[in-house]
Amino acid sequence: MNLKFIGENRISKSAFKILLLMLTCFIINFIVFIINDEFGSLQLLSLIPMLIGAFFLNILGSVLIAIILCFIYSPFLFFSNLYTTNFEIAGWGIRVVCYLVIGFILGIIFKELKTYHKKLIEEKFRSQFSNFYNLFKLIPDMVKLNEKHDKYILVFLNLLNNDELRKYVEFENLRIFVINEFNKLKNTFNDAHVYSYSFNQYILLIKDKDMDEKKCFNLLSPQIKNSSRSCIVKNYSINFMIKGGIISSSVDCTNPKELIQKARITSEQGNSYELGLNLYKQDYIEERKLYYEIATSLNDAILNNEFFIVYQPIIDLKTRKIDSAEALLRWDRKEKQNISPTIFITIAEETGLIVEITKWIIINVINNYFNFKKQSIDIIQTINISAVELSDFKFSKWVKNIIEEKQVSPSNFNIEITERVISSNSKTLKHTLDLLKKTGCKIEIDDFGTGYNSFKTLGELPTDIIKLDKYFIHRINEKQIYTMIKCLIDLIHKIDGIVIAEGVETKEQFKILENMGCDKIQGFYFSKPLEIKNFYSYYKGFDFSKYE
């Protein structure tokens, strides 16, 4: 019934168009009759319905309109101007032939134009590489499904080694392999289609109403695992490294682009080259959104001076005074969500902005050195610098130049490196640290004991101060940890090093460390990190006896 109705509807529309064109022809002839312009420029108006007929109905339409026009302009109609003139039948016949030829040619032209236009549209909707439909087709298909409230599943698939395969496999063969591989995945389901997102990325649209994310995961996982196994095809060894993300339309059935983006982000979970499938997790999507929001805001934060420095006091247990303070970065995001320094500094390292941020810290720490002097505060400031930055010759040169420009002594600053991020290229790092140490800087190793190269670090780098990680301090009551810390303190003292215990939060921890012979203490038991004005007050009013 539906097909019959559609067919009848199309016929009725075509008939309506023909009648409308016939009416147009009669109106044009009537205008010519009234104006009495049989052989004038108004005769060209007859081309209009012929063009329209060719546009709507191709050759059939234009020829049909040509016949109608010939009939209208025949000497047999009473309102024809030709009826009152010395009209020759032969002349009318020539006109008939001309109209038919013109109509036929117009029909062919429009037919070819439509064919070419259809080809262009089809090319727009298809990937030139795989010939799969692309986003221009996928999004309208999703919109239609959403309008009908039909449930579907998107599987975003990354072909991780496609670029590598292009180097060794002929283009046409690779194209065939990719098409075949994704068609295999498609054929796993009753009703599914493959779309091309990019050269290396594809989307599987599964319209099976009985399918859910977990079923999809269970069906596709073995297929993707098999794809990673090498097979010989036409003397080529092929294996496809596929990583994907699965999401249901129920997550967002109003915005196809947003759903595709969520599927794409879902596929990026885990390590970059970790194969397999991931199920949609809202928490992960939010984390990635926050990541990109922070990544794009960091540079503006530098330009808009949104960063500020806080200081956490470090107490010398021998002198019982504050002898130094660690400069820690904070970010004032105004009305936006506050972000932990651990998070935004990690993102800065990944995006490469950490160098500019560290430069900002160094300049402000140097400026604060002069502010401390005005307040009669004599302490050493500790600056956190990553091993990657210190391995950069340009950065090291910049540090040297800024110290000379500001006319400060390097001995007023300690350089702190996180032990976990010390790179394997320790020669350049060692050379830079040796130069800094010669100028008077002391070198601190932070988070000592949590990395893989703790004792190697002690043996290879010019280290003055070791900071015991709070992981050990918080478990200091455990016999094994207690013994380990005591041995570490004794060992570091034997190589003329200084030990700082960070993360000290209780009096019990403080007393145990003091009895062990630990040199310095840093942690919330004495003070949290303070803004510079509050640090002034804390320093001037510090009384060690209050903590004993």
Protein backbone atom coordinates (compact mmCIF):
# COMPACT_ATOMS: atom_id res chain seq x y z
CA MET A 1 0.00 0.00 0.00
CA ASN A 2 2.76 2.43 0.83
CA LEU A 3 4.62 1.83 -2.45
CA LYS A 4 1.39 2.21 -4.43
CA PHE A 5 0.59 5.46 -2.63
CA ILE A 6 4.10 6.82 -3.28
CA GLY A 7 3.83 5.90 -6.98
CA GLU A 8 0.43 7.55 -7.32
CA ASN A 9 1.71 10.63 -5.50
CA ARG A 10 4.63 11.00 -7.92
CA ILE A 11 2.34 10.62 -10.97
CA SER A 12 -0.03 13.25 -9.62
CA LYS A 13 2.85 15.66 -9.05
CA SER A 14 4.15 15.14 -12.62
CA ALA A 15 0.65 15.65 -14.07
CA PHE A 16 0.27 18.86 -12.07
CA LYS A 17 3.61 20.15 -13.41
CA ILE A 18 2.57 19.38 -17.02
CA LEU A 19 -0.76 21.16 -16.59
CA LEU A 20 1.00 24.14 -15.04
CA LEU A 21 3.43 24.28 -17.96
CA MET A 22 0.59 24.03 -20.49
CA LEU A 23 -1.14 26.92 -18.79
CA THR A 24 2.11 28.91 -18.95
CA CYS A 25 2.35 28.22 -22.70
CA PHE A 26 -1.19 29.48 -23.31
CA ILE A 27 -0.57 32.60 -21.21
CA ILE A 28 2.61 33.41 -23.15
CA ASN A 29 0.81 32.95 -26.49
CA PHE A 30 -2.04 35.14 -25.30
CA ILE A 31 0.45 37.90 -24.39
CA VAL A 32 2.00 37.62 -27.86
CA PHE A 33 -1.49 37.73 -29.43
CA ILE A 34 -2.48 40.85 -27.46
CA ILE A 35 0.75 42.70 -28.21
CA ASN A 36 0.69 41.48 -31.81
CA ASP A 37 4.38 40.56 -31.70
CA GLU A 38 4.35 37.33 -33.72
CA PHE A 39 7.94 37.60 -34.94
CA GLY A 40 9.28 39.93 -32.22
CA SER A 41 11.43 39.36 -29.16
CA LEU A 42 8.44 38.19 -27.11
CA GLN A 43 8.48 34.96 -29.09
CA LEU A 44 11.57 34.05 -27.05
CA LEU A 45 9.30 33.77 -24.02
CA SER A 46 8.24 30.38 -25.35
CA LEU A 47 11.65 29.08 -24.36
CA ILE A 48 10.76 29.55 -20.70
CA PRO A 49 8.26 26.67 -20.42
CA MET A 50 10.58 24.53 -22.53
CA LEU A 51 13.42 25.15 -20.08
CA ILE A 52 11.17 24.47 -17.11
CA GLY A 53 9.91 21.27 -18.75
CA ALA A 54 13.46 20.13 -19.40
CA PHE A 55 14.37 20.87 -15.77
CA PHE A 56 11.47 18.94 -14.26
CA LEU A 57 10.90 16.13 -16.77
CA ASN A 58 14.12 15.91 -18.83
CA ILE A 59 13.72 15.07 -22.55
CA LEU A 60 10.11 13.97 -22.29
CA GLY A 61 9.08 17.20 -20.62
CA SER A 62 10.85 19.59 -23.01
CA VAL A 63 9.66 17.73 -26.15
CA LEU A 64 6.08 17.62 -24.81
CA ILE A 65 6.14 21.39 -24.17
CA ALA A 66 7.60 21.92 -27.66
CA ILE A 67 4.65 19.98 -29.17
CA ILE A 68 2.18 22.01 -27.12
CA LEU A 69 3.79 25.26 -28.26
CA CYS A 70 3.70 24.13 -31.91
CA PHE A 71 0.01 23.35 -31.51
CA ILE A 72 -0.65 26.74 -29.91
CA TYR A 73 1.19 28.56 -32.69
CA SER A 74 -0.56 26.55 -35.41
CA PRO A 75 -2.94 28.29 -37.89
CA PHE A 76 -5.80 26.13 -36.60
CA LEU A 77 -6.45 28.15 -33.41
CA PHE A 78 -8.65 31.17 -33.68
CA PHE A 79 -6.53 33.33 -31.37
CA SER A 80 -3.28 32.71 -33.21
CA ASN A 81 -1.83 35.75 -35.02
CA LEU A 82 -0.78 33.37 -37.75
CA TYR A 83 -4.42 32.75 -38.61
CA THR A 84 -4.86 36.25 -40.06
CA THR A 85 -1.61 36.30 -42.03
CA ASN A 86 -0.46 34.69 -45.19
CA PHE A 87 0.77 31.70 -43.27
CA GLU A 88 2.37 28.87 -45.16
CA ILE A 89 2.04 25.35 -43.82
CA ALA A 90 5.66 24.65 -44.74
CA GLY A 91 6.86 27.54 -42.56
CA TRP A 92 4.84 26.19 -39.66
CA GLY A 93 6.34 22.77 -40.23
CA ILE A 94 9.85 24.20 -40.05
CA ARG A 95 8.96 25.87 -36.79
CA VAL A 96 7.64 22.56 -35.46
CA VAL A 97 10.92 20.84 -36.34
CA CYS A 98 12.96 23.66 -34.76
CA TYR A 99 10.92 23.56 -31.55
CA LEU A 100 11.22 19.79 -31.33
CA VAL A 101 14.98 19.91 -31.90
CA ILE A 102 15.40 22.71 -29.35
CA GLY A 103 13.23 20.80 -26.84
CA PHE A 104 15.18 17.59 -27.41
CA ILE A 105 18.56 19.35 -27.01
CA LEU A 106 17.39 21.15 -23.85
CA GLY A 107 16.17 17.84 -22.45
CA ILE A 108 19.54 16.18 -23.11
CA ILE A 109 21.43 19.13 -21.58
CA PHE A 110 19.34 19.11 -18.41
CA LYS A 111 19.54 15.35 -18.14
CA GLU A 112 23.34 15.49 -18.33
CA LEU A 113 23.45 18.37 -15.87
CA LYS A 114 21.30 16.42 -13.41
CA THR A 115 23.47 13.35 -13.83
CA TYR A 116 26.61 15.39 -13.24
CA HIS A 117 25.02 17.17 -10.28
CA LYS A 118 23.94 13.85 -8.80
CA LYS A 119 27.48 12.53 -9.25
CA LEU A 120 28.93 15.58 -7.47
CA ILE A 121 26.50 15.14 -4.59
CA GLU A 122 27.32 11.44 -4.38
CA GLU A 123 31.04 12.26 -4.28
CA LYS A 124 30.36 14.79 -1.53
CA PHE A 125 28.66 12.08 0.52
CA ARG A 126 31.39 9.47 0.02
CA SER A 127 35.01 9.04 1.09
CA GLN A 128 37.40 9.13 -1.86
CA PHE A 129 39.56 6.48 -0.21
CA SER A 130 37.12 3.86 1.07
CA ASN A 131 33.96 4.88 -0.85
CA PHE A 132 32.03 4.56 2.42
CA TYR A 133 29.50 7.28 3.15
CA ASN A 134 30.92 10.13 5.24
CA LEU A 135 29.60 12.56 7.85
CA PHE A 136 27.48 14.43 5.29
CA LYS A 137 25.40 11.27 5.02
CA LEU A 138 25.79 9.97 8.57
CA ILE A 139 24.39 13.05 10.31
CA PRO A 140 21.16 13.21 8.22
CA ASP A 141 20.73 9.44 8.75
CA MET A 142 21.07 9.95 12.51
CA VAL A 143 18.61 12.86 12.41
CA LYS A 144 16.03 10.64 10.68
CA LEU A 145 16.49 7.90 13.25
CA ASN A 146 16.15 10.43 16.08
CA GLU A 147 12.97 11.84 14.57
CA LYS A 148 11.48 8.33 14.49
CA HIS A 149 12.78 7.70 18.04
CA ASP A 150 14.65 4.63 16.80
CA LYS A 151 17.43 3.41 19.06
CA TYR A 152 20.87 2.84 17.56
CA ILE A 153 24.50 2.38 18.57
CA LEU A 154 27.61 4.19 17.31
CA VAL A 155 31.00 2.51 17.30
CA PHE A 156 33.87 4.92 16.63
CA LEU A 157 36.86 2.97 15.28
CA ASN A 158 40.45 4.24 15.01
CA LEU A 159 42.72 2.38 12.58
CA LEU A 160 45.95 3.07 14.45
CA ASN A 161 48.46 1.71 11.94
CA ASN A 162 46.88 2.89 8.68
CA ASP A 163 49.58 5.53 8.12
CA GLU A 164 52.27 2.90 8.70
CA LEU A 165 50.62 0.48 6.28
CA ARG A 166 50.56 3.14 3.56
CA LYS A 167 54.36 3.13 3.50
CA TYR A 168 54.59 -0.55 2.59
CA VAL A 169 51.31 -1.55 0.94
CA GLU A 170 50.16 -0.37 -2.49
CA PHE A 171 47.39 2.19 -2.26
CA GLU A 172 44.75 0.19 -4.12
CA ASN A 173 45.48 -2.98 -2.16
CA LEU A 174 45.32 -1.11 1.13
CA ARG A 175 42.01 0.42 0.08
CA ILE A 176 40.56 -3.01 -0.65
CA PHE A 177 41.87 -4.40 2.65
CA VAL A 178 40.33 -1.54 4.65
CA ILE A 179 36.96 -1.88 2.89
CA ASN A 180 36.90 -5.64 3.43
CA GLU A 181 37.92 -5.38 7.09
CA PHE A 182 35.24 -2.87 8.03
CA ASN A 183 32.61 -4.70 5.98
CA LYS A 184 33.42 -7.80 8.08
CA LEU A 185 32.69 -5.77 11.23
CA LYS A 186 29.48 -4.47 9.67
CA ASN A 187 28.32 -7.98 8.71
CA THR A 188 28.53 -9.01 12.36
CA PHE A 189 25.17 -7.27 12.84
CA ASN A 190 21.75 -7.61 11.20
CA ASP A 191 21.41 -3.95 10.29
CA ALA A 192 24.59 -1.87 10.28
CA HIS A 193 26.39 0.60 8.03
CA VAL A 194 29.98 1.83 7.86
CA TYR A 195 30.78 5.52 7.51
CA SER A 196 34.14 7.20 6.99
CA TYR A 197 35.07 9.87 9.52
CA SER A 198 38.59 10.37 8.18
CA PHE A 199 41.32 8.38 6.44
CA ASN A 200 42.13 6.56 9.67
CA GLN A 201 38.77 6.71 11.45
CA TYR A 202 35.47 4.98 10.75
CA ILE A 203 32.03 4.82 12.35
CA LEU A 204 29.74 1.83 12.58
CA LEU A 205 26.04 2.73 12.85
CA ILE A 206 24.12 -0.24 14.23
CA LYS A 207 20.33 0.02 13.90
CA ASP A 208 19.48 -3.34 15.45
CA LYS A 209 16.83 -2.56 18.08
CA ASP A 210 17.73 -5.63 20.13
CA MET A 211 21.38 -4.59 20.40
CA ASP A 212 22.87 -2.83 23.42
CA GLU A 213 26.40 -1.62 24.23
CA LYS A 214 27.51 -4.75 26.08
CA LYS A 215 26.23 -7.12 23.38
CA CYS A 216 27.96 -4.97 20.78
CA PHE A 217 31.16 -5.08 22.82
CA ASN A 218 31.04 -8.87 23.11
CA LEU A 219 30.41 -9.33 19.38
CA LEU A 220 33.02 -6.88 18.12
CA SER A 221 35.87 -7.62 20.55
CA PRO A 222 36.80 -11.00 19.01
CA GLN A 223 36.64 -9.48 15.52
CA ILE A 224 39.00 -6.67 16.46
CA LYS A 225 41.33 -9.13 18.17
CA ASN A 226 41.44 -11.22 14.98
CA SER A 227 42.17 -8.08 12.93
CA SER A 228 45.39 -7.55 14.88
CA ARG A 229 46.72 -10.94 13.80
CA SER A 230 48.94 -10.90 10.73
CA CYS A 231 47.60 -12.53 7.58
CA ILE A 232 49.09 -12.85 4.10
CA VAL A 233 47.01 -11.34 1.30
CA LYS A 234 48.51 -11.01 -2.21
CA ASN A 235 52.01 -11.44 -0.79
CA TYR A 236 51.38 -8.70 1.77
CA SER A 237 51.45 -9.25 5.53
CA ILE A 238 48.52 -7.25 6.90
CA ASN A 239 47.29 -6.62 10.41
CA PHE A 240 44.92 -3.89 11.48
CA MET A 241 45.42 -2.25 14.87
CA ILE A 242 41.95 -1.07 15.84
CA LYS A 243 40.83 0.87 18.88
CA GLY A 244 37.23 1.95 19.37
CA GLY A 245 34.51 3.41 21.53
CA ILE A 246 30.88 2.30 21.85
CA ILE A 247 28.00 4.62 22.69
CA SER A 248 24.20 4.37 22.56
CA SER A 249 21.88 6.98 21.07
CA SER A 250 20.11 7.11 24.44
CA VAL A 251 23.05 9.17 25.73
CA ASP A 252 22.22 12.09 23.44
CA CYS A 253 19.40 11.64 20.92
CA THR A 254 19.04 15.31 20.02
CA ASN A 255 22.49 16.29 18.78
CA PRO A 256 24.16 13.88 16.30
CA LYS A 257 27.43 15.83 16.20
CA GLU A 258 27.70 15.78 19.98
CA LEU A 259 27.03 12.03 20.07
CA ILE A 260 29.73 11.41 17.44
CA GLN A 261 32.18 13.52 19.44
CA LYS A 262 31.41 11.56 22.60
CA ALA A 263 31.95 8.30 20.71
CA ARG A 264 35.29 9.62 19.47
CA ILE A 265 36.42 10.63 22.96
CA THR A 266 35.27 7.24 24.29
CA SER A 267 37.55 5.54 21.77
CA GLU A 268 40.55 7.46 23.13
CA GLN A 269 40.44 5.93 26.62
CA GLY A 270 43.61 4.23 27.82
CA ASN A 271 47.05 4.40 26.24
CA SER A 272 47.38 5.77 22.72
CA TYR A 273 48.31 2.40 21.21
CA GLU A 274 46.17 0.18 23.45
CA LEU A 275 43.95 -1.94 21.19
CA GLY A 276 40.36 -2.96 21.84
CA LEU A 277 37.02 -1.37 22.64
CA ASN A 278 35.86 1.03 25.33
CA LEU A 279 32.34 1.57 26.61
CA TYR A 280 31.03 5.10 27.08
CA LYS A 281 31.69 6.63 30.51
CA GLN A 282 30.31 10.05 31.33
CA ASP A 283 33.07 10.69 33.89
CA TYR A 284 35.75 10.17 31.25
CA ILE A 285 33.99 12.53 28.83
CA GLU A 286 33.88 15.20 31.52
CA GLU A 287 37.57 14.65 32.29
CA ARG A 288 38.52 15.09 28.63
CA LYS A 289 36.39 18.20 28.30
CA LEU A 290 38.07 19.64 31.37
CA TYR A 291 41.47 18.66 29.95
CA TYR A 292 40.90 20.60 26.72
CA GLU A 293 39.33 23.52 28.56
CA ILE A 294 42.44 23.77 30.78
CA ALA A 295 44.81 23.23 27.86
CA THR A 296 43.27 26.13 25.93
CA SER A 297 43.12 28.39 29.02
CA LEU A 298 46.70 27.97 30.24
CA ASN A 299 48.25 30.44 27.82
CA ASP A 300 45.59 33.05 28.65
CA ALA A 301 46.30 32.44 32.34
CA ILE A 302 49.93 33.50 31.77
CA LEU A 303 48.96 36.58 29.74
CA ASN A 304 46.22 37.62 32.19
CA ASN A 305 48.41 37.04 35.27
CA GLU A 306 45.99 34.53 36.76
CA PHE A 307 48.76 32.52 38.42
CA PHE A 308 50.09 33.30 41.87
CA ILE A 309 52.66 31.78 44.22
CA VAL A 310 52.17 30.39 47.72
CA TYR A 311 54.95 29.36 50.12
CA GLN A 312 55.10 26.35 52.41
CA PRO A 313 57.62 26.84 55.24
CA ILE A 314 60.44 24.33 55.74
CA ILE A 315 61.69 24.09 59.36
CA ASP A 316 65.27 23.24 60.24
CA LEU A 317 65.16 20.87 63.24
CA LYS A 318 68.66 21.88 64.38
CA THR A 319 68.24 25.66 64.39
CA ARG A 320 64.47 25.33 65.10
CA LYS A 321 63.81 28.10 62.59
CA ILE A 322 62.27 28.53 59.16
CA ASP A 323 65.29 28.43 56.89
CA SER A 324 63.55 27.92 53.53
CA ALA A 325 60.19 27.71 51.79
CA GLU A 326 58.91 25.88 48.73
CA ALA A 327 57.36 28.11 46.08
CA LEU A 328 54.18 26.45 44.83
CA LEU A 329 52.07 27.55 41.89
CA ARG A 330 48.35 28.25 42.17
CA TRP A 331 45.79 29.32 39.57
CA ASP A 332 43.04 31.83 40.28
CA ARG A 333 40.32 30.83 37.80
CA LYS A 334 37.84 33.42 39.11
CA GLU A 335 34.35 31.94 38.75
CA LYS A 336 35.52 28.78 37.01
CA GLN A 337 36.13 25.44 38.67
CA ASN A 338 39.30 25.31 40.78
CA ILE A 339 41.94 22.95 39.42
CA SER A 340 44.59 21.10 41.40
CA PRO A 341 48.17 22.12 40.50
CA THR A 342 48.94 18.44 39.93
CA ILE A 343 46.38 18.40 37.12
CA PHE A 344 47.14 21.66 35.33
CA ILE A 345 50.91 21.29 35.63
CA THR A 346 50.67 17.80 34.12
CA ILE A 347 48.61 19.22 31.26
CA ALA A 348 51.12 22.05 30.84
CA GLU A 349 53.89 19.47 30.53
CA GLU A 350 51.92 17.52 27.92
CA THR A 351 51.07 20.61 25.86
CA GLY A 352 54.54 22.16 26.09
CA LEU A 353 53.41 25.26 28.01
CA ILE A 354 55.33 24.23 31.12
CA VAL A 355 58.42 26.12 29.93
CA GLU A 356 56.57 29.46 29.79
CA ILE A 357 54.90 28.77 33.14
CA THR A 358 58.22 27.91 34.79
CA LYS A 359 59.73 31.12 33.41
CA TRP A 360 56.84 33.03 34.98
CA ILE A 361 57.50 31.27 38.32
CA ILE A 362 61.23 32.04 38.25
CA ILE A 363 60.71 35.73 37.48
CA ASN A 364 58.15 36.08 40.28
CA VAL A 365 60.26 34.11 42.78
CA ILE A 366 63.18 36.43 42.06
CA ASN A 367 60.91 39.46 42.56
CA ASN A 368 59.69 37.97 45.84
CA TYR A 369 63.31 37.59 46.95
CA PHE A 370 63.57 41.38 47.02
CA ASN A 371 60.18 41.63 48.77
CA PHE A 372 61.43 39.23 51.46
CA LYS A 373 64.53 41.36 51.99
CA LYS A 374 62.36 44.43 52.55
CA GLN A 375 60.52 42.46 55.26
CA SER A 376 63.85 41.35 56.80
CA ILE A 377 63.08 37.73 55.88
CA ASP A 378 66.17 35.72 55.10
CA ILE A 379 65.20 32.39 53.59
CA ILE A 380 66.05 30.21 50.60
CA GLN A 381 63.28 29.67 48.05
CA THR A 382 62.84 26.27 46.43
CA ILE A 383 61.76 26.25 42.77
CA ASN A 384 60.31 23.16 41.08
CA ILE A 385 61.77 22.61 37.62
CA SER A 386 61.23 19.50 35.53
CA ALA A 387 64.17 17.46 34.29
CA VAL A 388 62.90 18.01 30.74
CA GLU A 389 63.31 21.77 31.09
CA LEU A 390 66.76 21.49 32.62
CA SER A 391 67.78 19.28 29.70
CA ASP A 392 66.85 22.09 27.32
CA PHE A 393 69.94 24.18 26.57
CA LYS A 394 67.87 27.27 25.61
CA PHE A 395 65.96 27.17 28.89
CA SER A 396 69.14 26.76 30.96
CA LYS A 397 70.69 29.71 29.14
CA TRP A 398 67.57 31.79 29.84
CA VAL A 399 67.79 30.97 33.59
CA LYS A 400 71.43 32.06 33.68
CA ASN A 401 70.62 35.33 31.84
CA ILE A 402 67.67 36.23 34.08
CA ILE A 403 69.73 35.64 37.25
CA GLU A 404 72.47 37.92 35.92
CA GLU A 405 69.93 40.51 34.77
CA LYS A 406 68.20 40.64 38.17
CA GLN A 407 71.57 40.62 39.97
CA VAL A 408 70.70 37.92 42.49
CA SER A 409 72.86 35.15 43.82
CA PRO A 410 71.88 31.59 42.78
CA SER A 411 72.68 30.53 46.35
CA ASN A 412 69.36 32.10 47.37
CA PHE A 413 67.48 29.46 45.42
CA ASN A 414 67.26 25.68 45.48
CA ILE A 415 66.34 23.76 42.32
CA GLU A 416 63.94 20.90 42.99
CA ILE A 417 63.52 18.02 40.54
CA THR A 418 60.89 15.31 40.81
CA GLU A 419 62.65 11.96 40.99
CA ARG A 420 59.85 10.25 39.05
CA VAL A 421 60.34 12.33 35.90
CA ILE A 422 64.12 12.21 35.59
CA SER A 423 64.74 11.37 31.95
CA SER A 424 67.00 8.66 30.63
CA ASN A 425 69.09 11.37 28.98
CA SER A 426 70.89 12.16 32.22
CA LYS A 427 74.12 13.43 30.63
CA THR A 428 72.64 16.78 29.58
CA LEU A 429 70.74 17.03 32.86
CA LYS A 430 73.85 16.26 34.89
CA HIS A 431 75.84 18.88 32.97
CA THR A 432 73.19 21.56 33.64
CA LEU A 433 72.93 20.67 37.33
CA ASP A 434 76.71 20.76 37.70
CA LEU A 435 76.75 24.30 36.29
CA LEU A 436 73.94 25.43 38.61
CA LYS A 437 75.65 23.88 41.61
CA LYS A 438 78.90 25.69 40.79
CA THR A 439 77.04 29.00 40.85
CA GLY A 440 75.80 28.27 44.39
CA CYS A 441 72.39 26.64 43.83
CA LYS A 442 71.55 23.53 45.83
CA ILE A 443 69.89 20.62 44.06
CA GLU A 444 66.92 18.87 45.66
CA ILE A 445 65.37 15.57 44.57
CA ASP A 446 61.64 15.50 45.34
CA ASP A 447 59.42 12.42 45.86
CA PHE A 448 62.48 10.33 46.58
CA GLY A 449 61.79 6.60 46.78
CA THR A 450 58.67 6.54 44.60
CA GLY A 451 60.46 6.26 41.25
CA TYR A 452 62.51 3.50 39.67
CA ASN A 453 65.92 5.13 39.81
CA SER A 454 66.25 6.30 43.42
CA PHE A 455 69.73 4.99 44.17
CA LYS A 456 70.86 5.56 40.59
CA THR A 457 69.87 9.21 41.09
CA LEU A 458 72.04 9.46 44.20
CA GLY A 459 75.00 8.04 42.36
CA GLU A 460 74.80 10.00 39.12
CA LEU A 461 73.36 13.47 39.81
CA PRO A 462 74.94 16.24 41.91
CA THR A 463 72.40 16.04 44.73
CA ASP A 464 72.47 18.14 47.91
CA ILE A 465 69.04 17.56 49.41
CA ILE A 466 66.72 14.55 49.38
CA LYS A 467 63.00 14.97 50.10
CA LEU A 468 61.34 11.84 51.43
CA ASP A 469 57.95 11.34 49.80
CA LYS A 470 54.87 11.69 52.01
CA TYR A 471 53.89 8.13 51.08
CA PHE A 472 56.57 6.91 53.51
CA ILE A 473 55.86 9.55 56.15
CA HIS A 474 52.17 8.59 56.36
CA ARG A 475 53.17 4.95 57.00
CA ILE A 476 56.05 5.69 59.34
CA ASN A 477 54.44 3.62 62.13
CA GLU A 478 54.84 0.44 60.08
CA LYS A 479 57.94 -1.47 61.07
CA GLN A 480 59.28 -2.01 57.54
CA ILE A 481 58.71 1.61 56.50
CA TYR A 482 60.20 2.88 59.77
CA THR A 483 63.36 0.82 59.19
CA MET A 484 63.56 1.90 55.57
CA ILE A 485 63.32 5.62 56.44
CA LYS A 486 65.91 5.31 59.20
CA CYS A 487 68.33 3.56 56.83
CA LEU A 488 67.74 6.16 54.12
CA ILE A 489 68.43 9.06 56.50
CA ASP A 490 71.65 7.44 57.69
CA LEU A 491 72.73 6.68 54.12
CA ILE A 492 72.09 10.22 52.89
CA HIS A 493 73.98 11.68 55.84
CA LYS A 494 76.98 9.44 55.04
CA ILE A 495 77.19 10.98 51.54
CA ASP A 496 76.92 14.50 53.05
CA GLY A 497 73.31 14.99 52.00
CA ILE A 498 70.44 16.76 53.74
CA VAL A 499 67.08 15.06 54.35
CA ILE A 500 63.72 16.85 54.24
CA ALA A 501 60.57 14.97 55.22
CA GLU A 502 57.53 16.35 53.40
CA GLY A 503 53.90 15.69 54.13
CA VAL A 504 54.31 15.70 57.92
CA GLU A 505 50.82 16.09 59.34
CA THR A 506 50.97 14.90 62.98
CA LYS A 507 53.06 15.52 66.07
CA GLU A 508 53.81 11.81 66.25
CA GLN A 509 55.31 11.81 62.75
CA PHE A 510 57.32 14.92 63.60
CA LYS A 511 58.75 13.41 66.81
CA ILE A 512 59.69 10.11 65.14
CA LEU A 513 61.52 11.95 62.36
CA GLU A 514 63.28 14.21 64.85
CA ASN A 515 64.50 11.18 66.80
CA MET A 516 65.71 9.58 63.56
CA GLY A 517 67.93 12.59 62.88
CA CYS A 518 65.92 14.03 59.97
CA ASP A 519 67.30 17.49 59.10
CA LYS A 520 64.18 19.41 58.05
CA ILE A 521 60.39 19.13 58.18
CA GLN A 522 57.71 20.32 55.76
CA GLY A 523 54.01 19.69 56.10
CA PHE A 524 50.60 20.70 57.38
CA TYR A 525 51.59 20.03 60.99
CA PHE A 526 53.57 23.25 60.87
CA SER A 527 51.79 25.11 58.08
CA LYS A 528 49.85 24.75 54.88
CA PRO A 529 51.10 26.72 51.82
CA LEU A 530 50.55 30.44 52.48
CA GLU A 531 50.01 33.46 50.29
CA ILE A 532 52.92 35.85 50.54
CA LYS A 533 51.33 38.31 53.03
CA ASN A 534 50.27 35.47 55.33
CA PHE A 535 53.74 33.97 55.00
CA TYR A 536 55.26 37.23 56.27
CA SER A 537 53.08 37.03 59.41
CA TYR A 538 53.77 33.34 59.96
CA TYR A 539 57.53 33.78 59.59
CA LYS A 540 57.73 36.70 61.99
CA GLY A 541 55.54 35.04 64.60
CA PHE A 542 57.03 31.55 64.31
CA ASP A 543 57.73 29.83 67.63
CA PHE A 544 59.09 26.27 67.42
CA SER A 545 58.17 25.51 71.05
CA LYS A 546 54.46 25.60 70.13
CA TYR A 547 54.92 22.40 68.11
CA GLU A 548 57.02 20.40 70.57
